[in-house]
Structure formats: structure tokens, C-alpha cells
Amino acid sequence: MPRDYEITTAFKDAIKLDAKSRRIVTTNDFRLALEKYNHHWPLEECNWWIKRYQTFFFELVTDGGENKTWALRNIGYVR
């Protein structure tokens, strides 16, 4: 059974470091991490959640679809 508090945990699990040592997350990585906690969201809902609840992340790369790359702003943190 999915639990709301596991969404933030899944988001933290999806964060990775890139070559420039930035903390980044892709929408698809977040979606896959959510599935481990029994949340089955489409990419659109994942993007909405990141925009709404993770205000210190900005859209770094958009490949034209819903799979976006988000990066943590300077002096930001995960809520």
C-alpha cells in the first residue's frame, strides 16, 4: 500500500551527482524510485510534484518530452 511520506524518500533515492558535482534527478529516475514504494505515477504527475514540492530544483534539460532533468539550486535543499 503506498504511503504519502514515502514520496519524499523516493525523490531522495533518485538524486544523483553529475560530472559537475551537481545534484540532479530525472523524471524517469523519480518515477522508477516511486515504483519501489508502490506508487505508480505517470511522468506528468512526477513533474508536477517536483515543481510543487521541490522549489529548490530547477529544470536543467528538457528533451522535448516529459522526461526532464532537474538540478538543485545553489544553497538549496530537499524538502
PDB file of N, CA and C in Angstrom:
ATOM      1  N   MET A   1       0.844  -1.176   0.000  1.00  0.00           N
ATOM      2  CA  MET A   1       0.000   0.000   0.000  1.00  0.00           C
ATOM      3  C   MET A   1       0.891   1.242   0.000  1.00  0.00           C
ATOM      4  N   PRO A   2       0.677   2.174  -0.922  1.00  0.00           N
ATOM      5  CA  PRO A   2       1.518   3.373  -0.965  1.00  0.00           C
ATOM      6  C   PRO A   2       1.207   4.318   0.188  1.00  0.00           C
ATOM      7  N   ARG A   3       2.239   4.949   0.678  1.00  0.00           N
ATOM      8  CA  ARG A   3       2.106   5.914   1.774  1.00  0.00           C
ATOM      9  C   ARG A   3       2.678   7.246   1.312  1.00  0.00           C
ATOM     10  N   ASP A   4       2.029   8.332   1.706  1.00  0.00           N
ATOM     11  CA  ASP A   4       2.429   9.661   1.230  1.00  0.00           C
ATOM     12  C   ASP A   4       3.843  10.041   1.650  1.00  0.00           C
ATOM     13  N   TYR A   5       4.254   9.667   2.845  1.00  0.00           N
ATOM     14  CA  TYR A   5       5.578  10.065   3.310  1.00  0.00           C
ATOM     15  C   TYR A   5       6.699   9.385   2.529  1.00  0.00           C
ATOM     16  N   GLU A   6       6.388   8.327   1.801  1.00  0.00           N
ATOM     17  CA  GLU A   6       7.406   7.635   1.012  1.00  0.00           C
ATOM     18  C   GLU A   6       7.752   8.362  -0.287  1.00  0.00           C
ATOM     19  N   ILE A   7       6.945   9.335  -0.681  1.00  0.00           N
ATOM     20  CA  ILE A   7       7.208  10.072  -1.916  1.00  0.00           C
ATOM     21  C   ILE A   7       8.512  10.848  -1.790  1.00  0.00           C
ATOM     22  N   THR A   8       8.708  11.542  -0.681  1.00  0.00           N
ATOM     23  CA  THR A   8       9.947  12.298  -0.463  1.00  0.00           C
ATOM     24  C   THR A   8      11.146  11.361  -0.385  1.00  0.00           C
ATOM     25  N   THR A   9      10.977  10.220   0.250  1.00  0.00           N
ATOM     26  CA  THR A   9      12.057   9.238   0.324  1.00  0.00           C
ATOM     27  C   THR A   9      12.437   8.744  -1.065  1.00  0.00           C
ATOM     28  N   ALA A  10      11.450   8.495  -1.899  1.00  0.00           N
ATOM     29  CA  ALA A  10      11.720   8.057  -3.273  1.00  0.00           C
ATOM     30  C   ALA A  10      12.440   9.149  -4.049  1.00  0.00           C
ATOM     31  N   PHE A  11      12.059  10.405  -3.824  1.00  0.00           N
ATOM     32  CA  PHE A  11      12.731  11.508  -4.509  1.00  0.00           C
ATOM     33  C   PHE A  11      14.202  11.571  -4.092  1.00  0.00           C
ATOM     34  N   LYS A  12      14.472  11.434  -2.815  1.00  0.00           N
ATOM     35  CA  LYS A  12      15.858  11.449  -2.330  1.00  0.00           C
ATOM     36  C   LYS A  12      16.654  10.277  -2.905  1.00  0.00           C
ATOM     37  N   ASP A  13      16.005   9.131  -3.054  1.00  0.00           N
ATOM     38  CA  ASP A  13      16.674   7.963  -3.640  1.00  0.00           C
ATOM     39  C   ASP A  13      17.051   8.190  -5.098  1.00  0.00           C
ATOM     40  N   ALA A  14      16.295   9.026  -5.801  1.00  0.00           N
ATOM     41  CA  ALA A  14      16.511   9.245  -7.235  1.00  0.00           C
ATOM     42  C   ALA A  14      17.590  10.283  -7.526  1.00  0.00           C
ATOM     43  N   ILE A  15      18.039  11.022  -6.531  1.00  0.00           N
ATOM     44  CA  ILE A  15      19.029  12.083  -6.747  1.00  0.00           C
ATOM     45  C   ILE A  15      20.405  11.472  -6.986  1.00  0.00           C
ATOM     46  N   LYS A  16      21.091  12.010  -7.991  1.00  0.00           N
ATOM     47  CA  LYS A  16      22.442  11.552  -8.339  1.00  0.00           C
ATOM     48  C   LYS A  16      23.349  12.759  -8.525  1.00  0.00           C
ATOM     49  N   LEU A  17      24.656  12.530  -8.525  1.00  0.00           N
ATOM     50  CA  LEU A  17      25.628  13.578  -8.832  1.00  0.00           C
ATOM     51  C   LEU A  17      26.032  13.462 -10.290  1.00  0.00           C
ATOM     52  N   ASP A  18      26.100  14.602 -10.992  1.00  0.00           N
ATOM     53  CA  ASP A  18      26.566  14.565 -12.377  1.00  0.00           C
ATOM     54  C   ASP A  18      28.060  14.860 -12.428  1.00  0.00           C
ATOM     55  N   ALA A  19      28.605  15.021 -13.624  1.00  0.00           N
ATOM     56  CA  ALA A  19      30.048  15.233 -13.806  1.00  0.00           C
ATOM     57  C   ALA A  19      30.526  16.545 -13.187  1.00  0.00           C
ATOM     58  N   LYS A  20      29.631  17.526 -13.062  1.00  0.00           N
ATOM     59  CA  LYS A  20      29.992  18.815 -12.470  1.00  0.00           C
ATOM     60  C   LYS A  20      29.663  18.872 -10.976  1.00  0.00           C
ATOM     61  N   SER A  21      29.387  17.735 -10.379  1.00  0.00           N
ATOM     62  CA  SER A  21      29.058  17.595  -8.957  1.00  0.00           C
ATOM     63  C   SER A  21      27.759  18.291  -8.571  1.00  0.00           C
ATOM     64  N   ARG A  22      26.863  18.445  -9.529  1.00  0.00           N
ATOM     65  CA  ARG A  22      25.534  18.978  -9.224  1.00  0.00           C
ATOM     66  C   ARG A  22      24.630  17.822  -8.835  1.00  0.00           C
ATOM     67  N   ARG A  23      23.717  18.084  -7.936  1.00  0.00           N
ATOM     68  CA  ARG A  23      22.720  17.086  -7.583  1.00  0.00           C
ATOM     69  C   ARG A  23      21.584  17.195  -8.595  1.00  0.00           C
ATOM     70  N   ILE A  24      21.380  16.116  -9.343  1.00  0.00           N
ATOM     71  CA  ILE A  24      20.352  16.120 -10.377  1.00  0.00           C
ATOM     72  C   ILE A  24      19.422  14.929 -10.199  1.00  0.00           C
ATOM     73  N   VAL A  25      18.250  15.056 -10.777  1.00  0.00           N
ATOM     74  CA  VAL A  25      17.283  13.962 -10.810  1.00  0.00           C
ATOM     75  C   VAL A  25      16.522  14.064 -12.128  1.00  0.00           C
ATOM     76  N   THR A  26      16.302  12.930 -12.762  1.00  0.00           N
ATOM     77  CA  THR A  26      15.462  12.920 -13.955  1.00  0.00           C
ATOM     78  C   THR A  26      14.067  12.453 -13.548  1.00  0.00           C
ATOM     79  N   THR A  27      13.101  12.876 -14.326  1.00  0.00           N
ATOM     80  CA  THR A  27      11.724  12.499 -14.033  1.00  0.00           C
ATOM     81  C   THR A  27      11.564  10.985 -14.067  1.00  0.00           C
ATOM     82  N   ASN A  28      12.215  10.332 -15.005  1.00  0.00           N
ATOM     83  CA  ASN A  28      12.093   8.880 -15.111  1.00  0.00           C
ATOM     84  C   ASN A  28      12.738   8.172 -13.917  1.00  0.00           C
ATOM     85  N   ASP A  29      13.881   8.663 -13.435  1.00  0.00           N
ATOM     86  CA  ASP A  29      14.504   8.067 -12.245  1.00  0.00           C
ATOM     87  C   ASP A  29      13.590   8.207 -11.028  1.00  0.00           C
ATOM     88  N   PHE A  30      12.939   9.356 -10.907  1.00  0.00           N
ATOM     89  CA  PHE A  30      11.997   9.577  -9.807  1.00  0.00           C
ATOM     90  C   PHE A  30      10.816   8.613  -9.927  1.00  0.00           C
ATOM     91  N   ARG A  31      10.297   8.439 -11.132  1.00  0.00           N
ATOM     92  CA  ARG A  31       9.178   7.525 -11.357  1.00  0.00           C
ATOM     93  C   ARG A  31       9.564   6.092 -10.990  1.00  0.00           C
ATOM     94  N   LEU A  32      10.762   5.668 -11.384  1.00  0.00           N
ATOM     95  CA  LEU A  32      11.220   4.311 -11.060  1.00  0.00           C
ATOM     96  C   LEU A  32      11.419   4.135  -9.556  1.00  0.00           C
ATOM     97  N   ALA A  33      11.916   5.167  -8.879  1.00  0.00           N
ATOM     98  CA  ALA A  33      12.077   5.092  -7.426  1.00  0.00           C
ATOM     99  C   ALA A  33      10.714   5.021  -6.736  1.00  0.00           C
ATOM    100  N   LEU A  34       9.733   5.741  -7.268  1.00  0.00           N
ATOM    101  CA  LEU A  34       8.383   5.681  -6.697  1.00  0.00           C
ATOM    102  C   LEU A  34       7.780   4.286  -6.816  1.00  0.00           C
ATOM    103  N   GLU A  35       8.064   3.616  -7.919  1.00  0.00           N
ATOM    104  CA  GLU A  35       7.505   2.274  -8.115  1.00  0.00           C
ATOM    105  C   GLU A  35       8.019   1.282  -7.079  1.00  0.00           C
ATOM    106  N   LYS A  36       9.209   1.517  -6.549  1.00  0.00           N
ATOM    107  CA  LYS A  36       9.728   0.650  -5.486  1.00  0.00           C
ATOM    108  C   LYS A  36       8.892   0.773  -4.214  1.00  0.00           C
ATOM    109  N   TYR A  37       8.207   1.916  -4.061  1.00  0.00           N
ATOM    110  CA  TYR A  37       7.357   2.160  -2.895  1.00  0.00           C
ATOM    111  C   TYR A  37       5.870   2.028  -3.240  1.00  0.00           C
ATOM    112  N   ASN A  38       5.553   1.344  -4.334  1.00  0.00           N
ATOM    113  CA  ASN A  38       4.180   1.067  -4.768  1.00  0.00           C
ATOM    114  C   ASN A  38       3.391   2.299  -5.191  1.00  0.00           C
ATOM    115  N   HIS A  39       4.057   3.341  -5.618  1.00  0.00           N
ATOM    116  CA  HIS A  39       3.395   4.492  -6.229  1.00  0.00           C
ATOM    117  C   HIS A  39       3.604   4.356  -7.732  1.00  0.00           C
ATOM    118  N   HIS A  40       2.539   4.361  -8.488  1.00  0.00           N
ATOM    119  CA  HIS A  40       2.635   4.219  -9.945  1.00  0.00           C
ATOM    120  C   HIS A  40       2.117   5.503 -10.584  1.00  0.00           C
ATOM    121  N   TRP A  41       3.035   6.427 -10.817  1.00  0.00           N
ATOM    122  CA  TRP A  41       2.694   7.741 -11.355  1.00  0.00           C
ATOM    123  C   TRP A  41       3.175   7.861 -12.789  1.00  0.00           C
ATOM    124  N   PRO A  42       2.423   8.606 -13.617  1.00  0.00           N
ATOM    125  CA  PRO A  42       2.944   8.941 -14.951  1.00  0.00           C
ATOM    126  C   PRO A  42       3.984  10.054 -14.833  1.00  0.00           C
ATOM    127  N   LEU A  43       4.735  10.275 -15.890  1.00  0.00           N
ATOM    128  CA  LEU A  43       5.782  11.305 -15.865  1.00  0.00           C
ATOM    129  C   LEU A  43       5.213  12.697 -15.605  1.00  0.00           C
ATOM    130  N   GLU A  44       4.012  12.980 -16.111  1.00  0.00           N
ATOM    131  CA  GLU A  44       3.400  14.293 -15.909  1.00  0.00           C
ATOM    132  C   GLU A  44       3.175  14.574 -14.426  1.00  0.00           C
ATOM    133  N   GLU A  45       2.699  13.579 -13.696  1.00  0.00           N
ATOM    134  CA  GLU A  45       2.451  13.759 -12.268  1.00  0.00           C
ATOM    135  C   GLU A  45       3.759  13.908 -11.497  1.00  0.00           C
ATOM    136  N   CYS A  46       4.787  13.194 -11.906  1.00  0.00           N
ATOM    137  CA  CYS A  46       6.105  13.340 -11.276  1.00  0.00           C
ATOM    138  C   CYS A  46       6.634  14.755 -11.467  1.00  0.00           C
ATOM    139  N   ASN A  47       6.522  15.293 -12.687  1.00  0.00           N
ATOM    140  CA  ASN A  47       6.971  16.663 -12.942  1.00  0.00           C
ATOM    141  C   ASN A  47       6.182  17.664 -12.116  1.00  0.00           C
ATOM    142  N   TRP A  48       4.865  17.458 -12.021  1.00  0.00           N
ATOM    143  CA  TRP A  48       4.038  18.363 -11.217  1.00  0.00           C
ATOM    144  C   TRP A  48       4.489  18.343  -9.757  1.00  0.00           C
ATOM    145  N   TRP A  49       4.751  17.153  -9.220  1.00  0.00           N
ATOM    146  CA  TRP A  49       5.152  17.043  -7.818  1.00  0.00           C
ATOM    147  C   TRP A  49       6.480  17.747  -7.582  1.00  0.00           C
ATOM    148  N   ILE A  50       7.433  17.589  -8.482  1.00  0.00           N
ATOM    149  CA  ILE A  50       8.737  18.246  -8.326  1.00  0.00           C
ATOM    150  C   ILE A  50       8.571  19.760  -8.359  1.00  0.00           C
ATOM    151  N   LYS A  51       7.786  20.271  -9.307  1.00  0.00           N
ATOM    152  CA  LYS A  51       7.552  21.720  -9.382  1.00  0.00           C
ATOM    153  C   LYS A  51       6.874  22.241  -8.126  1.00  0.00           C
ATOM    154  N   ARG A  52       5.928  21.481  -7.600  1.00  0.00           N
ATOM    155  CA  ARG A  52       5.122  21.928  -6.459  1.00  0.00           C
ATOM    156  C   ARG A  52       5.864  21.821  -5.128  1.00  0.00           C
ATOM    157  N   TYR A  53       6.558  20.740  -4.885  1.00  0.00           N
ATOM    158  CA  TYR A  53       7.117  20.475  -3.567  1.00  0.00           C
ATOM    159  C   TYR A  53       8.628  20.633  -3.467  1.00  0.00           C
ATOM    160  N   GLN A  54       9.342  20.636  -4.567  1.00  0.00           N
ATOM    161  CA  GLN A  54      10.806  20.771  -4.530  1.00  0.00           C
ATOM    162  C   GLN A  54      11.198  22.078  -5.217  1.00  0.00           C
ATOM    163  N   THR A  55      10.949  23.179  -4.551  1.00  0.00           N
ATOM    164  CA  THR A  55      11.137  24.500  -5.161  1.00  0.00           C
ATOM    165  C   THR A  55      12.602  24.866  -5.345  1.00  0.00           C
ATOM    166  N   PHE A  56      13.521  24.153  -4.725  1.00  0.00           N
ATOM    167  CA  PHE A  56      14.945  24.435  -4.901  1.00  0.00           C
ATOM    168  C   PHE A  56      15.532  23.722  -6.118  1.00  0.00           C
ATOM    169  N   PHE A  57      14.722  22.978  -6.841  1.00  0.00           N
ATOM    170  CA  PHE A  57      15.165  22.327  -8.067  1.00  0.00           C
ATOM    171  C   PHE A  57      14.657  23.112  -9.265  1.00  0.00           C
ATOM    172  N   PHE A  58      15.510  23.263 -10.268  1.00  0.00           N
ATOM    173  CA  PHE A  58      15.100  23.940 -11.498  1.00  0.00           C
ATOM    174  C   PHE A  58      15.279  22.992 -12.673  1.00  0.00           C
ATOM    175  N   GLU A  59      14.557  23.280 -13.740  1.00  0.00           N
ATOM    176  CA  GLU A  59      14.582  22.441 -14.930  1.00  0.00           C
ATOM    177  C   GLU A  59      15.873  22.691 -15.689  1.00  0.00           C
ATOM    178  N   LEU A  60      16.752  21.708 -15.710  1.00  0.00           N
ATOM    179  CA  LEU A  60      18.064  21.850 -16.333  1.00  0.00           C
ATOM    180  C   LEU A  60      18.016  21.510 -17.815  1.00  0.00           C
ATOM    181  N   VAL A  61      17.454  20.372 -18.153  1.00  0.00           N
ATOM    182  CA  VAL A  61      17.399  19.914 -19.544  1.00  0.00           C
ATOM    183  C   VAL A  61      16.011  19.347 -19.810  1.00  0.00           C
ATOM    184  N   THR A  62      15.467  19.716 -20.958  1.00  0.00           N
ATOM    185  CA  THR A  62      14.223  19.117 -21.418  1.00  0.00           C
ATOM    186  C   THR A  62      14.501  18.473 -22.761  1.00  0.00           C
ATOM    187  N   ASP A  63      14.225  17.195 -22.868  1.00  0.00           N
ATOM    188  CA  ASP A  63      14.492  16.502 -24.131  1.00  0.00           C
ATOM    189  C   ASP A  63      13.295  16.542 -25.071  1.00  0.00           C
ATOM    190  N   GLY A  64      12.381  17.456 -24.849  1.00  0.00           N
ATOM    191  CA  GLY A  64      11.219  17.593 -25.710  1.00  0.00           C
ATOM    192  C   GLY A  64      10.015  16.815 -25.216  1.00  0.00           C
ATOM    193  N   GLY A  65      10.208  15.900 -24.311  1.00  0.00           N
ATOM    194  CA  GLY A  65       9.114  15.105 -23.763  1.00  0.00           C
ATOM    195  C   GLY A  65       8.907  15.433 -22.297  1.00  0.00           C
ATOM    196  N   GLU A  66       8.330  14.504 -21.594  1.00  0.00           N
ATOM    197  CA  GLU A  66       8.075  14.695 -20.169  1.00  0.00           C
ATOM    198  C   GLU A  66       9.250  14.260 -19.294  1.00  0.00           C
ATOM    199  N   ASN A  67      10.233  13.580 -19.858  1.00  0.00           N
ATOM    200  CA  ASN A  67      11.393  13.161 -19.078  1.00  0.00           C
ATOM    201  C   ASN A  67      12.371  14.330 -18.995  1.00  0.00           C
ATOM    202  N   LYS A  68      12.286  15.072 -17.911  1.00  0.00           N
ATOM    203  CA  LYS A  68      13.103  16.270 -17.725  1.00  0.00           C
ATOM    204  C   LYS A  68      14.216  15.989 -16.730  1.00  0.00           C
ATOM    205  N   THR A  69      15.261  16.790 -16.805  1.00  0.00           N
ATOM    206  CA  THR A  69      16.353  16.713 -15.840  1.00  0.00           C
ATOM    207  C   THR A  69      16.269  17.938 -14.949  1.00  0.00           C
ATOM    208  N   TRP A  70      16.243  17.711 -13.656  1.00  0.00           N
ATOM    209  CA  TRP A  70      16.130  18.774 -12.662  1.00  0.00           C
ATOM    210  C   TRP A  70      17.438  18.851 -11.889  1.00  0.00           C
ATOM    211  N   ALA A  71      17.861  20.073 -11.541  1.00  0.00           N
ATOM    212  CA  ALA A  71      19.103  20.271 -10.791  1.00  0.00           C
ATOM    213  C   ALA A  71      18.818  21.113  -9.554  1.00  0.00           C
ATOM    214  N   LEU A  72      19.556  20.840  -8.506  1.00  0.00           N
ATOM    215  CA  LEU A  72      19.410  21.577  -7.252  1.00  0.00           C
ATOM    216  C   LEU A  72      20.098  22.925  -7.368  1.00  0.00           C
ATOM    217  N   ARG A  73      19.398  23.979  -6.954  1.00  0.00           N
ATOM    218  CA  ARG A  73      19.977  25.330  -6.972  1.00  0.00           C
ATOM    219  C   ARG A  73      21.054  25.449  -5.892  1.00  0.00           C
ATOM    220  N   ASN A  74      21.894  26.463  -6.019  1.00  0.00           N
ATOM    221  CA  ASN A  74      22.911  26.725  -5.003  1.00  0.00           C
ATOM    222  C   ASN A  74      22.247  26.979  -3.656  1.00  0.00           C
ATOM    223  N   ILE A  75      22.820  26.448  -2.625  1.00  0.00           N
ATOM    224  CA  ILE A  75      22.356  26.588  -1.250  1.00  0.00           C
ATOM    225  C   ILE A  75      20.913  26.112  -1.096  1.00  0.00           C
ATOM    226  N   GLY A  76      20.504  25.172  -1.915  1.00  0.00           N
ATOM    227  CA  GLY A  76      19.171  24.602  -1.805  1.00  0.00           C
ATOM    228  C   GLY A  76      19.209  23.313  -1.010  1.00  0.00           C
ATOM    229  N   TYR A  77      18.050  22.792  -0.735  1.00  0.00           N
ATOM    230  CA  TYR A  77      17.950  21.529  -0.012  1.00  0.00           C
ATOM    231  C   TYR A  77      16.694  20.794  -0.455  1.00  0.00           C
ATOM    232  N   VAL A  78      16.611  19.533  -0.116  1.00  0.00           N
ATOM    233  CA  VAL A  78      15.456  18.713  -0.446  1.00  0.00           C
ATOM    234  C   VAL A  78      14.462  18.842   0.682  1.00  0.00           C
ATOM    235  N   ARG A  79      13.226  19.145   0.334  1.00  0.00           N
ATOM    236  CA  ARG A  79      12.174  19.315   1.357  1.00  0.00           C
ATOM    237  C   ARG A  79      11.512  18.006   1.664  1.00  0.00           C
TER     238      ARG A  79
END
